[in-house]
N, C-alpha and C. Protein backbone atom coordinates (compact mmCIF):
# COMPACT_ATOMS: atom_id res chain seq x y z
N MET A 1 0.85 -1.20 0.00
CA MET A 1 0.00 0.00 0.00
C MET A 1 0.88 1.24 0.00
N ASN A 2 0.53 2.20 -0.85
CA ASN A 2 1.31 3.42 -0.97
C ASN A 2 0.52 4.64 -0.53
N ASN A 3 1.23 5.73 -0.29
CA ASN A 3 0.59 7.00 -0.03
C ASN A 3 0.05 7.59 -1.33
N VAL A 4 -1.01 8.40 -1.19
CA VAL A 4 -1.51 9.21 -2.29
C VAL A 4 -1.23 10.66 -1.93
N ILE A 5 -0.38 11.32 -2.69
CA ILE A 5 -0.03 12.71 -2.43
C ILE A 5 -0.39 13.54 -3.65
N TYR A 6 -1.31 14.47 -3.47
CA TYR A 6 -1.83 15.28 -4.57
C TYR A 6 -0.87 16.43 -4.89
N PRO A 7 -1.07 17.11 -6.03
CA PRO A 7 -0.25 18.27 -6.37
C PRO A 7 -0.44 19.41 -5.36
N ASN A 8 0.55 20.31 -5.35
CA ASN A 8 0.54 21.53 -4.54
C ASN A 8 0.60 21.23 -3.04
N VAL A 9 1.35 20.18 -2.70
CA VAL A 9 1.60 19.82 -1.31
C VAL A 9 3.06 20.10 -0.99
N ILE A 10 3.31 20.85 0.09
CA ILE A 10 4.67 21.15 0.55
C ILE A 10 4.86 20.45 1.89
N VAL A 11 5.85 19.57 1.96
CA VAL A 11 6.14 18.83 3.18
C VAL A 11 7.56 19.14 3.61
N GLY A 12 7.73 19.57 4.86
CA GLY A 12 9.04 19.96 5.36
C GLY A 12 9.99 18.79 5.54
N GLU A 13 11.26 19.12 5.61
CA GLU A 13 12.31 18.11 5.75
C GLU A 13 12.12 17.31 7.03
N GLY A 14 12.30 16.02 6.92
CA GLY A 14 12.25 15.16 8.10
C GLY A 14 10.87 14.69 8.50
N THR A 15 9.83 15.09 7.80
CA THR A 15 8.48 14.63 8.12
C THR A 15 8.23 13.28 7.47
N LEU A 16 7.78 12.33 8.28
CA LEU A 16 7.51 10.98 7.82
C LEU A 16 6.01 10.80 7.61
N ILE A 17 5.63 10.37 6.43
CA ILE A 17 4.23 10.07 6.11
C ILE A 17 4.13 8.57 5.91
N GLU A 18 3.47 7.89 6.84
CA GLU A 18 3.40 6.43 6.78
C GLU A 18 2.21 6.00 5.93
N PRO A 19 2.43 5.04 5.03
CA PRO A 19 1.33 4.57 4.18
C PRO A 19 0.43 3.60 4.93
N PRO A 20 -0.83 3.52 4.46
CA PRO A 20 -1.41 4.31 3.38
C PRO A 20 -2.06 5.58 3.93
N SER A 21 -1.61 6.73 3.49
CA SER A 21 -2.20 8.01 3.87
C SER A 21 -2.53 8.80 2.60
N ILE A 22 -3.47 9.73 2.71
CA ILE A 22 -3.88 10.57 1.59
C ILE A 22 -3.60 12.01 1.98
N ILE A 23 -2.75 12.68 1.24
CA ILE A 23 -2.26 14.00 1.61
C ILE A 23 -2.56 14.99 0.47
N GLY A 24 -3.27 16.07 0.80
CA GLY A 24 -3.60 17.09 -0.19
C GLY A 24 -4.87 16.83 -0.97
N LYS A 25 -5.74 15.98 -0.44
CA LYS A 25 -7.01 15.68 -1.13
C LYS A 25 -7.82 16.97 -1.32
N PRO A 26 -8.31 17.25 -2.52
CA PRO A 26 -9.09 18.48 -2.72
C PRO A 26 -10.44 18.40 -2.03
N PRO A 27 -10.86 19.47 -1.35
CA PRO A 27 -12.19 19.48 -0.76
C PRO A 27 -13.26 19.58 -1.83
N ARG A 28 -14.49 19.41 -1.39
CA ARG A 28 -15.62 19.49 -2.33
C ARG A 28 -15.60 20.80 -3.10
N GLY A 29 -15.73 20.71 -4.41
CA GLY A 29 -15.76 21.89 -5.27
C GLY A 29 -14.42 22.35 -5.78
N ALA A 30 -13.34 21.75 -5.28
CA ALA A 30 -11.99 22.13 -5.73
C ALA A 30 -11.41 21.02 -6.61
N LYS A 31 -10.47 21.42 -7.46
CA LYS A 31 -9.79 20.47 -8.31
C LYS A 31 -8.40 20.14 -7.73
N HIS A 32 -7.80 19.09 -8.24
CA HIS A 32 -6.48 18.69 -7.80
C HIS A 32 -5.50 19.86 -7.95
N GLY A 33 -4.85 20.24 -6.86
CA GLY A 33 -3.84 21.28 -6.91
C GLY A 33 -4.35 22.70 -6.80
N ASP A 34 -5.67 22.89 -6.74
CA ASP A 34 -6.22 24.25 -6.61
C ASP A 34 -5.76 24.92 -5.31
N LEU A 35 -5.74 24.16 -4.24
CA LEU A 35 -5.40 24.69 -2.92
C LEU A 35 -4.09 24.10 -2.44
N GLU A 36 -3.30 24.92 -1.78
CA GLU A 36 -2.01 24.47 -1.26
C GLU A 36 -2.19 23.83 0.12
N LEU A 37 -1.40 22.83 0.39
CA LEU A 37 -1.29 22.24 1.72
C LEU A 37 0.16 22.33 2.16
N LYS A 38 0.40 22.93 3.32
CA LYS A 38 1.75 23.02 3.89
C LYS A 38 1.81 22.20 5.17
N ILE A 39 2.80 21.35 5.25
CA ILE A 39 3.08 20.57 6.45
C ILE A 39 4.54 20.80 6.80
N GLY A 40 4.81 21.19 8.05
CA GLY A 40 6.15 21.56 8.45
C GLY A 40 7.11 20.40 8.57
N SER A 41 8.26 20.67 9.14
CA SER A 41 9.34 19.70 9.22
C SER A 41 9.24 18.82 10.46
N ASN A 42 9.92 17.67 10.38
CA ASN A 42 10.12 16.77 11.52
C ASN A 42 8.82 16.26 12.15
N GLY A 43 7.81 16.08 11.32
CA GLY A 43 6.55 15.54 11.79
C GLY A 43 6.43 14.05 11.53
N GLN A 44 5.34 13.48 12.01
CA GLN A 44 5.04 12.08 11.74
C GLN A 44 3.54 11.91 11.55
N ILE A 45 3.17 11.50 10.35
CA ILE A 45 1.77 11.26 10.01
C ILE A 45 1.59 9.76 9.89
N ARG A 46 0.78 9.19 10.76
CA ARG A 46 0.67 7.74 10.84
C ARG A 46 -0.38 7.19 9.87
N PRO A 47 -0.38 5.87 9.66
CA PRO A 47 -1.19 5.27 8.58
C PRO A 47 -2.67 5.61 8.65
N PHE A 48 -3.28 5.61 7.47
CA PHE A 48 -4.72 5.80 7.28
C PHE A 48 -5.18 7.22 7.64
N THR A 49 -4.25 8.17 7.60
CA THR A 49 -4.59 9.58 7.83
C THR A 49 -4.92 10.25 6.49
N THR A 50 -5.92 11.13 6.50
CA THR A 50 -6.26 11.95 5.33
C THR A 50 -6.17 13.42 5.71
N VAL A 51 -5.36 14.15 4.98
CA VAL A 51 -5.23 15.60 5.20
C VAL A 51 -5.63 16.29 3.90
N TYR A 52 -6.66 17.12 3.96
CA TYR A 52 -7.16 17.82 2.77
C TYR A 52 -6.29 19.03 2.43
N ALA A 53 -6.37 19.43 1.18
CA ALA A 53 -5.71 20.65 0.74
C ALA A 53 -6.38 21.87 1.37
N GLY A 54 -5.61 22.96 1.46
CA GLY A 54 -6.17 24.21 1.97
C GLY A 54 -5.91 24.43 3.44
N SER A 55 -4.95 23.70 4.03
CA SER A 55 -4.60 23.87 5.43
C SER A 55 -3.11 24.17 5.57
N GLU A 56 -2.72 24.63 6.75
CA GLU A 56 -1.31 24.89 7.04
C GLU A 56 -1.00 24.29 8.41
N ILE A 57 0.03 23.46 8.46
CA ILE A 57 0.39 22.71 9.65
C ILE A 57 1.86 22.97 9.96
N GLY A 58 2.17 23.17 11.24
CA GLY A 58 3.52 23.55 11.64
C GLY A 58 4.48 22.38 11.77
N ASP A 59 5.63 22.67 12.38
CA ASP A 59 6.69 21.69 12.58
C ASP A 59 6.35 20.74 13.73
N TYR A 60 6.99 19.57 13.71
CA TYR A 60 6.87 18.57 14.76
C TYR A 60 5.42 18.14 14.99
N PHE A 61 4.69 18.06 13.91
CA PHE A 61 3.28 17.65 13.96
C PHE A 61 3.20 16.13 14.00
N GLN A 62 2.26 15.61 14.80
CA GLN A 62 2.08 14.17 14.86
C GLN A 62 0.60 13.82 14.80
N THR A 63 0.30 12.72 14.12
CA THR A 63 -1.05 12.16 14.18
C THR A 63 -0.97 10.71 14.64
N GLY A 64 -2.07 10.26 15.22
CA GLY A 64 -2.27 8.83 15.38
C GLY A 64 -2.77 8.25 14.07
N GLN A 65 -3.26 7.03 14.12
CA GLN A 65 -3.79 6.39 12.91
C GLN A 65 -5.23 6.84 12.65
N GLY A 66 -5.57 6.90 11.37
CA GLY A 66 -6.96 7.15 10.99
C GLY A 66 -7.47 8.54 11.26
N VAL A 67 -6.60 9.54 11.28
CA VAL A 67 -7.00 10.92 11.51
C VAL A 67 -7.53 11.54 10.22
N SER A 68 -8.55 12.39 10.33
CA SER A 68 -9.07 13.14 9.19
C SER A 68 -8.97 14.63 9.49
N ILE A 69 -8.28 15.37 8.60
CA ILE A 69 -8.12 16.81 8.76
C ILE A 69 -8.61 17.47 7.48
N ARG A 70 -9.70 18.23 7.60
CA ARG A 70 -10.30 18.86 6.44
C ARG A 70 -9.58 20.15 6.08
N GLU A 71 -10.16 20.89 5.13
CA GLU A 71 -9.58 22.14 4.66
C GLU A 71 -9.75 23.26 5.69
N ASP A 72 -8.99 24.35 5.49
CA ASP A 72 -9.07 25.57 6.31
C ASP A 72 -8.79 25.28 7.78
N ASN A 73 -7.78 24.47 8.04
CA ASN A 73 -7.27 24.29 9.39
C ASN A 73 -5.89 24.92 9.50
N LEU A 74 -5.66 25.65 10.56
CA LEU A 74 -4.37 26.27 10.83
C LEU A 74 -3.86 25.68 12.14
N ILE A 75 -2.78 24.91 12.05
CA ILE A 75 -2.28 24.14 13.18
C ILE A 75 -0.84 24.57 13.45
N GLY A 76 -0.54 24.87 14.70
CA GLY A 76 0.78 25.38 15.07
C GLY A 76 1.84 24.31 15.15
N ASN A 77 2.92 24.63 15.85
CA ASN A 77 4.05 23.73 16.01
C ASN A 77 3.85 22.81 17.21
N ASN A 78 4.43 21.61 17.13
CA ASN A 78 4.42 20.65 18.23
C ASN A 78 3.01 20.27 18.67
N VAL A 79 2.14 20.09 17.71
CA VAL A 79 0.75 19.69 17.97
C VAL A 79 0.61 18.21 17.64
N SER A 80 -0.18 17.51 18.46
CA SER A 80 -0.48 16.11 18.15
C SER A 80 -1.99 15.91 18.09
N ILE A 81 -2.42 15.10 17.13
CA ILE A 81 -3.83 14.77 16.93
C ILE A 81 -3.96 13.25 17.06
N GLY A 82 -4.76 12.78 18.02
CA GLY A 82 -4.81 11.38 18.34
C GLY A 82 -5.60 10.53 17.35
N THR A 83 -5.44 9.24 17.49
CA THR A 83 -6.04 8.24 16.61
C THR A 83 -7.55 8.44 16.46
N ASN A 84 -7.99 8.38 15.20
CA ASN A 84 -9.42 8.46 14.84
C ASN A 84 -10.09 9.80 15.16
N SER A 85 -9.31 10.83 15.40
CA SER A 85 -9.90 12.15 15.59
C SER A 85 -10.25 12.79 14.25
N VAL A 86 -11.24 13.69 14.29
CA VAL A 86 -11.71 14.37 13.08
C VAL A 86 -11.64 15.87 13.31
N LEU A 87 -10.88 16.55 12.48
CA LEU A 87 -10.86 18.00 12.44
C LEU A 87 -11.60 18.42 11.18
N GLU A 88 -12.83 18.88 11.35
CA GLU A 88 -13.55 19.44 10.22
C GLU A 88 -12.96 20.81 9.89
N PHE A 89 -13.64 21.60 9.08
CA PHE A 89 -13.04 22.85 8.59
C PHE A 89 -12.98 23.92 9.68
N GLY A 90 -12.05 24.86 9.50
CA GLY A 90 -12.08 26.11 10.25
C GLY A 90 -11.52 26.08 11.64
N ASN A 91 -10.70 25.09 11.99
CA ASN A 91 -10.11 25.06 13.32
C ASN A 91 -8.78 25.82 13.36
N ARG A 92 -8.47 26.37 14.52
CA ARG A 92 -7.20 27.07 14.75
C ARG A 92 -6.62 26.49 16.03
N ILE A 93 -5.46 25.83 15.93
CA ILE A 93 -4.89 25.11 17.06
C ILE A 93 -3.50 25.65 17.35
N GLY A 94 -3.27 26.10 18.58
CA GLY A 94 -2.02 26.73 18.96
C GLY A 94 -0.90 25.74 19.26
N ASP A 95 0.30 26.28 19.40
CA ASP A 95 1.49 25.47 19.63
C ASP A 95 1.37 24.61 20.88
N TYR A 96 1.96 23.42 20.83
CA TYR A 96 2.12 22.51 21.97
C TYR A 96 0.78 21.99 22.51
N SER A 97 -0.25 22.03 21.71
CA SER A 97 -1.54 21.50 22.17
C SER A 97 -1.70 20.06 21.71
N ARG A 98 -2.46 19.32 22.51
CA ARG A 98 -2.69 17.90 22.21
C ARG A 98 -4.18 17.62 22.14
N ILE A 99 -4.59 17.08 21.01
CA ILE A 99 -5.96 16.61 20.84
C ILE A 99 -5.88 15.09 20.90
N HIS A 100 -6.51 14.50 21.90
CA HIS A 100 -6.37 13.06 22.12
C HIS A 100 -7.24 12.28 21.12
N SER A 101 -7.37 10.98 21.33
CA SER A 101 -8.03 10.09 20.38
C SER A 101 -9.54 10.31 20.32
N SER A 102 -10.10 10.11 19.13
CA SER A 102 -11.56 10.08 18.89
C SER A 102 -12.26 11.38 19.26
N CYS A 103 -11.60 12.51 19.00
CA CYS A 103 -12.21 13.82 19.23
C CYS A 103 -12.81 14.36 17.94
N PHE A 104 -13.74 15.31 18.09
CA PHE A 104 -14.37 15.96 16.94
C PHE A 104 -14.35 17.46 17.16
N LEU A 105 -13.81 18.20 16.16
CA LEU A 105 -13.73 19.65 16.23
C LEU A 105 -14.17 20.25 14.91
N GLU A 106 -14.89 21.37 14.99
CA GLU A 106 -15.23 22.15 13.81
C GLU A 106 -15.35 23.61 14.21
N MET A 107 -14.61 24.48 13.50
CA MET A 107 -14.64 25.92 13.75
C MET A 107 -14.22 26.26 15.19
N VAL A 108 -13.31 25.48 15.75
CA VAL A 108 -12.86 25.66 17.13
C VAL A 108 -11.52 26.38 17.16
N THR A 109 -11.34 27.28 18.11
CA THR A 109 -10.07 27.95 18.33
C THR A 109 -9.46 27.42 19.61
N ILE A 110 -8.29 26.83 19.49
CA ILE A 110 -7.58 26.22 20.62
C ILE A 110 -6.30 27.02 20.85
N GLY A 111 -6.03 27.41 22.08
CA GLY A 111 -4.82 28.15 22.39
C GLY A 111 -3.59 27.27 22.48
N LYS A 112 -2.58 27.76 23.17
CA LYS A 112 -1.33 27.03 23.35
C LYS A 112 -1.40 26.16 24.61
N TYR A 113 -0.68 25.04 24.59
CA TYR A 113 -0.56 24.14 25.73
C TYR A 113 -1.93 23.66 26.24
N VAL A 114 -2.82 23.39 25.32
CA VAL A 114 -4.15 22.90 25.67
C VAL A 114 -4.15 21.37 25.56
N PHE A 115 -4.79 20.71 26.52
CA PHE A 115 -4.97 19.26 26.48
C PHE A 115 -6.45 18.96 26.32
N VAL A 116 -6.80 18.21 25.27
CA VAL A 116 -8.17 17.79 25.01
C VAL A 116 -8.19 16.27 25.13
N GLY A 117 -8.89 15.76 26.14
CA GLY A 117 -8.89 14.33 26.42
C GLY A 117 -9.65 13.52 25.39
N PRO A 118 -9.59 12.20 25.49
CA PRO A 118 -10.23 11.32 24.52
C PRO A 118 -11.75 11.53 24.43
N ASN A 119 -12.27 11.40 23.22
CA ASN A 119 -13.72 11.41 22.98
C ASN A 119 -14.40 12.75 23.31
N VAL A 120 -13.64 13.83 23.28
CA VAL A 120 -14.26 15.15 23.49
C VAL A 120 -14.88 15.61 22.17
N VAL A 121 -16.09 16.15 22.26
CA VAL A 121 -16.83 16.61 21.09
C VAL A 121 -17.11 18.10 21.23
N PHE A 122 -16.70 18.87 20.21
CA PHE A 122 -17.04 20.29 20.12
C PHE A 122 -18.15 20.45 19.09
N THR A 123 -19.23 21.08 19.47
CA THR A 123 -20.33 21.33 18.54
C THR A 123 -20.27 22.79 18.08
N ASP A 124 -20.89 23.07 16.90
CA ASP A 124 -20.82 24.43 16.38
C ASP A 124 -22.14 24.91 15.78
N ASP A 125 -23.18 24.12 15.91
CA ASP A 125 -24.46 24.46 15.27
C ASP A 125 -25.58 24.32 16.29
N PRO A 126 -26.18 25.42 16.76
CA PRO A 126 -27.21 25.32 17.80
C PRO A 126 -28.52 24.73 17.30
N HIS A 127 -28.74 24.70 15.99
CA HIS A 127 -30.00 24.18 15.44
C HIS A 127 -29.73 23.24 14.27
N PRO A 128 -29.06 22.09 14.55
CA PRO A 128 -28.82 21.18 13.43
C PRO A 128 -30.14 20.55 12.99
N MET A 129 -30.35 20.20 11.71
CA MET A 129 -29.33 20.44 10.72
C MET A 129 -29.88 21.34 9.63
N GLY A 130 -28.99 21.90 8.82
CA GLY A 130 -29.39 22.59 7.62
C GLY A 130 -29.66 24.07 7.75
N CYS A 131 -29.41 24.69 8.93
CA CYS A 131 -29.60 26.14 9.01
C CYS A 131 -28.64 26.83 8.05
N PRO A 132 -29.14 27.66 7.13
CA PRO A 132 -28.26 28.28 6.14
C PRO A 132 -27.28 29.29 6.72
N HIS A 133 -27.47 29.68 7.99
CA HIS A 133 -26.61 30.70 8.59
C HIS A 133 -25.78 30.16 9.75
N TYR A 134 -25.61 28.83 9.84
CA TYR A 134 -24.94 28.31 11.02
C TYR A 134 -23.48 28.75 11.12
N LYS A 135 -22.84 28.96 9.97
CA LYS A 135 -21.46 29.42 10.02
C LYS A 135 -21.34 30.83 10.56
N GLU A 136 -22.40 31.62 10.43
CA GLU A 136 -22.39 33.01 10.90
C GLU A 136 -22.99 33.15 12.29
N CYS A 137 -23.46 32.05 12.87
CA CYS A 137 -24.13 32.09 14.16
C CYS A 137 -23.09 32.00 15.28
N LYS A 138 -23.25 31.09 16.19
CA LYS A 138 -22.33 31.02 17.33
C LYS A 138 -20.96 30.48 16.97
N GLY A 139 -20.91 29.57 16.01
CA GLY A 139 -19.64 28.98 15.63
C GLY A 139 -19.11 28.04 16.71
N GLY A 140 -17.85 27.67 16.55
CA GLY A 140 -17.24 26.75 17.51
C GLY A 140 -16.75 27.46 18.76
N ALA A 141 -16.28 26.66 19.71
CA ALA A 141 -15.80 27.18 20.99
C ALA A 141 -14.45 27.88 20.82
N VAL A 142 -14.13 28.71 21.82
CA VAL A 142 -12.81 29.30 21.96
C VAL A 142 -12.22 28.77 23.26
N VAL A 143 -11.07 28.11 23.15
CA VAL A 143 -10.41 27.52 24.31
C VAL A 143 -9.08 28.23 24.50
N GLU A 144 -8.92 28.93 25.61
CA GLU A 144 -7.72 29.72 25.83
C GLU A 144 -6.55 28.85 26.30
N ASP A 145 -5.37 29.47 26.43
CA ASP A 145 -4.14 28.74 26.73
C ASP A 145 -4.24 27.96 28.05
N TYR A 146 -3.54 26.83 28.10
CA TYR A 146 -3.33 26.01 29.30
C TYR A 146 -4.60 25.33 29.81
N VAL A 147 -5.64 25.29 29.03
CA VAL A 147 -6.87 24.61 29.45
C VAL A 147 -6.68 23.10 29.35
N ARG A 148 -7.31 22.36 30.28
CA ARG A 148 -7.36 20.90 30.22
C ARG A 148 -8.82 20.48 30.18
N ILE A 149 -9.17 19.64 29.22
CA ILE A 149 -10.55 19.18 29.06
C ILE A 149 -10.58 17.67 29.22
N GLY A 150 -11.33 17.18 30.21
CA GLY A 150 -11.37 15.76 30.51
C GLY A 150 -12.12 14.94 29.48
N ALA A 151 -11.86 13.65 29.49
CA ALA A 151 -12.42 12.72 28.52
C ALA A 151 -13.94 12.75 28.50
N ASN A 152 -14.49 12.53 27.30
CA ASN A 152 -15.94 12.38 27.09
C ASN A 152 -16.74 13.64 27.38
N SER A 153 -16.10 14.79 27.35
CA SER A 153 -16.82 16.05 27.54
C SER A 153 -17.42 16.52 26.22
N THR A 154 -18.49 17.32 26.34
CA THR A 154 -19.14 17.93 25.19
C THR A 154 -19.15 19.43 25.39
N ILE A 155 -18.69 20.17 24.39
CA ILE A 155 -18.60 21.63 24.47
C ILE A 155 -19.57 22.21 23.45
N LEU A 156 -20.53 22.99 23.92
CA LEU A 156 -21.57 23.53 23.05
C LEU A 156 -21.05 24.69 22.21
N PRO A 157 -21.83 25.10 21.18
CA PRO A 157 -21.36 26.16 20.27
C PRO A 157 -21.10 27.48 20.98
N GLY A 158 -20.08 28.19 20.51
CA GLY A 158 -19.83 29.55 20.94
C GLY A 158 -19.33 29.72 22.35
N ILE A 159 -19.01 28.63 23.04
CA ILE A 159 -18.55 28.70 24.42
C ILE A 159 -17.11 29.21 24.47
N LYS A 160 -16.80 30.03 25.48
CA LYS A 160 -15.42 30.45 25.73
C LYS A 160 -14.96 29.83 27.04
N ILE A 161 -13.84 29.09 26.96
CA ILE A 161 -13.27 28.46 28.14
C ILE A 161 -12.01 29.23 28.51
N GLY A 162 -12.03 29.86 29.67
CA GLY A 162 -10.97 30.77 30.07
C GLY A 162 -9.65 30.10 30.37
N LYS A 163 -8.60 30.88 30.31
CA LYS A 163 -7.22 30.42 30.48
C LYS A 163 -7.04 29.61 31.76
N ASN A 164 -6.29 28.51 31.64
CA ASN A 164 -5.85 27.71 32.79
C ASN A 164 -7.02 27.04 33.52
N SER A 165 -8.11 26.77 32.82
CA SER A 165 -9.23 26.10 33.46
C SER A 165 -9.14 24.59 33.26
N LEU A 166 -9.93 23.86 34.07
CA LEU A 166 -9.98 22.41 34.02
C LEU A 166 -11.43 21.99 33.90
N ILE A 167 -11.73 21.19 32.85
CA ILE A 167 -13.07 20.68 32.63
C ILE A 167 -13.08 19.21 33.04
N GLY A 168 -13.90 18.85 34.02
CA GLY A 168 -13.95 17.49 34.51
C GLY A 168 -14.47 16.52 33.46
N ALA A 169 -14.05 15.27 33.55
CA ALA A 169 -14.43 14.25 32.59
C ALA A 169 -15.95 14.11 32.53
N GLY A 170 -16.48 13.95 31.32
CA GLY A 170 -17.91 13.74 31.14
C GLY A 170 -18.77 14.98 31.27
N SER A 171 -18.17 16.15 31.32
CA SER A 171 -18.94 17.38 31.49
C SER A 171 -19.62 17.79 30.19
N VAL A 172 -20.75 18.51 30.34
CA VAL A 172 -21.42 19.14 29.21
C VAL A 172 -21.36 20.64 29.47
N VAL A 173 -20.53 21.34 28.70
CA VAL A 173 -20.27 22.76 28.95
C VAL A 173 -21.24 23.58 28.13
N THR A 174 -22.16 24.25 28.81
CA THR A 174 -23.22 25.02 28.15
C THR A 174 -23.04 26.52 28.31
N LYS A 175 -22.12 26.95 29.18
CA LYS A 175 -21.89 28.37 29.43
C LYS A 175 -20.39 28.64 29.46
N ASP A 176 -20.03 29.92 29.28
CA ASP A 176 -18.63 30.31 29.36
C ASP A 176 -18.02 29.91 30.70
N VAL A 177 -16.74 29.57 30.66
CA VAL A 177 -16.01 29.15 31.86
C VAL A 177 -15.00 30.23 32.22
N PRO A 178 -15.05 30.76 33.45
CA PRO A 178 -14.07 31.79 33.84
C PRO A 178 -12.66 31.22 33.89
N PRO A 179 -11.65 32.06 33.72
CA PRO A 179 -10.26 31.59 33.84
C PRO A 179 -9.99 30.98 35.21
N ASP A 180 -9.04 30.04 35.25
CA ASP A 180 -8.56 29.43 36.50
C ASP A 180 -9.65 28.70 37.27
N SER A 181 -10.66 28.20 36.56
CA SER A 181 -11.78 27.53 37.22
C SER A 181 -11.76 26.03 36.96
N VAL A 182 -12.36 25.29 37.90
CA VAL A 182 -12.62 23.87 37.72
C VAL A 182 -14.13 23.70 37.57
N VAL A 183 -14.56 23.13 36.45
CA VAL A 183 -15.99 22.91 36.24
C VAL A 183 -16.23 21.43 35.98
N ALA A 184 -17.44 20.97 36.34
CA ALA A 184 -17.79 19.57 36.11
C ALA A 184 -19.30 19.44 36.14
N GLY A 185 -19.81 18.37 35.51
CA GLY A 185 -21.22 18.04 35.57
C GLY A 185 -21.96 18.29 34.28
N ASN A 186 -23.26 18.04 34.31
CA ASN A 186 -24.17 18.23 33.18
C ASN A 186 -25.46 18.89 33.69
N PRO A 187 -25.59 20.21 33.43
CA PRO A 187 -24.62 21.11 32.79
C PRO A 187 -23.45 21.40 33.72
N ALA A 188 -22.30 21.70 33.15
CA ALA A 188 -21.09 21.94 33.93
C ALA A 188 -21.23 23.21 34.77
N LYS A 189 -20.77 23.11 36.01
CA LYS A 189 -20.78 24.25 36.93
C LYS A 189 -19.42 24.39 37.59
N VAL A 190 -19.09 25.62 37.98
CA VAL A 190 -17.83 25.86 38.69
C VAL A 190 -17.91 25.20 40.06
N ILE A 191 -16.92 24.35 40.36
CA ILE A 191 -16.91 23.69 41.67
C ILE A 191 -15.76 24.17 42.55
N LYS A 192 -14.73 24.74 41.96
CA LYS A 192 -13.63 25.30 42.74
C LYS A 192 -12.71 26.05 41.79
N LYS A 193 -11.66 26.64 42.36
CA LYS A 193 -10.63 27.29 41.57
C LYS A 193 -9.43 26.35 41.43
N ILE A 194 -8.64 26.58 40.39
CA ILE A 194 -7.48 25.74 40.14
C ILE A 194 -6.54 25.70 41.34
N ASP A 195 -6.35 26.83 42.00
CA ASP A 195 -5.39 26.86 43.11
C ASP A 195 -5.92 26.15 44.36
N GLN A 196 -7.17 25.65 44.32
CA GLN A 196 -7.70 24.86 45.42
C GLN A 196 -7.52 23.36 45.22
N LEU A 197 -7.01 22.96 44.06
CA LEU A 197 -6.77 21.55 43.81
C LEU A 197 -5.62 21.03 44.68
N THR A 198 -5.66 19.75 45.01
CA THR A 198 -4.60 19.14 45.79
C THR A 198 -4.03 17.95 45.02
N CYS A 199 -2.83 17.55 45.39
CA CYS A 199 -2.18 16.38 44.82
C CYS A 199 -2.45 15.19 45.75
N PRO A 200 -3.28 14.22 45.33
CA PRO A 200 -3.68 13.13 46.24
C PRO A 200 -2.51 12.35 46.83
N LYS A 201 -1.45 12.18 46.09
CA LYS A 201 -0.30 11.41 46.55
C LYS A 201 0.76 12.25 47.26
N GLY A 202 0.57 13.56 47.22
CA GLY A 202 1.50 14.43 47.92
C GLY A 202 2.84 14.65 47.23
N PHE A 203 2.89 14.36 45.93
CA PHE A 203 4.15 14.59 45.22
C PHE A 203 4.44 16.09 45.08
N TYR A 204 3.37 16.88 45.00
CA TYR A 204 3.50 18.33 44.88
C TYR A 204 2.59 18.99 45.91
N GLU A 205 2.92 20.23 46.24
CA GLU A 205 2.05 20.99 47.13
C GLU A 205 0.65 21.11 46.54
N LYS A 206 0.59 21.27 45.23
CA LYS A 206 -0.67 21.29 44.49
C LYS A 206 -0.37 20.93 43.04
N PRO A 207 -1.38 20.51 42.29
CA PRO A 207 -1.12 20.13 40.89
C PRO A 207 -0.65 21.31 40.03
N TYR A 208 -0.07 20.96 38.93
CA TYR A 208 0.38 21.90 37.90
C TYR A 208 1.51 22.80 38.39
N MET A 209 2.38 22.18 39.22
CA MET A 209 3.60 22.85 39.63
C MET A 209 4.76 22.52 38.67
N TRP A 210 4.44 21.81 37.58
CA TRP A 210 5.46 21.40 36.62
C TRP A 210 5.32 22.21 35.34
N PRO A 211 6.35 22.22 34.48
CA PRO A 211 6.25 22.94 33.20
C PRO A 211 5.18 22.30 32.31
N PRO A 212 4.48 23.09 31.47
CA PRO A 212 4.71 24.51 31.23
C PRO A 212 3.92 25.43 32.15
N TYR A 213 3.17 24.84 33.08
CA TYR A 213 2.26 25.65 33.90
C TYR A 213 2.98 26.59 34.84
N GLN A 214 4.19 26.21 35.25
CA GLN A 214 4.96 27.09 36.11
C GLN A 214 5.25 28.43 35.47
N GLU A 215 5.49 28.39 34.15
CA GLU A 215 5.93 29.60 33.47
C GLU A 215 4.80 30.42 32.89
N LYS A 216 3.56 29.95 33.04
CA LYS A 216 2.46 30.56 32.29
C LYS A 216 2.22 32.02 32.66
N GLU A 217 2.48 32.38 33.91
CA GLU A 217 2.20 33.76 34.33
C GLU A 217 3.13 34.75 33.67
N SER A 218 4.31 34.30 33.26
CA SER A 218 5.27 35.22 32.67
C SER A 218 5.15 35.28 31.15
N LYS A 219 4.23 34.48 30.58
CA LYS A 219 4.11 34.44 29.12
C LYS A 219 2.93 35.29 28.67
């Protein structure tokens, strides 16, 4: 099995594309080579991944197996996208962020150093399906730097999750989340502040005393 690489694809030095992958596939309505796809250096794209034309991806990018990345995605450096995750159109993902396995994103803005746990779903349409103005309505969520989102959470359209917040596993986030907050539940509610968290094993005075969280206040 071989890779399929379409015209107008730029791949940086040292990036490994494992077969069978499809790179530079034209989106609906476009012809082969109409749109450019840029993938930076020193990345690793694992088997059965499809990356559409019309996106730009930074250096040290990694995917798991079976990832789908549509057009109009802007992905920073040192980003990883886990196995079987789907990035539909219009996402913006900052440096050093990790999207874990089996996630779904569309029109989502992700900051730097964000962790998105397995099976997290971001929605972007308050009245599915077929509203002719859904792209102009609430759109996808905005997730600020250093946010952690627990597994199996659902984030509703247009939500803003403030810097350095923690979303508990299985939460349904229906309202904006203030910075430095811990939220959980369905619907998710603020249950404490980040600085009130404790380390159960006592390895640290409190969680997130390790990089990059130590340096976040100076950035």
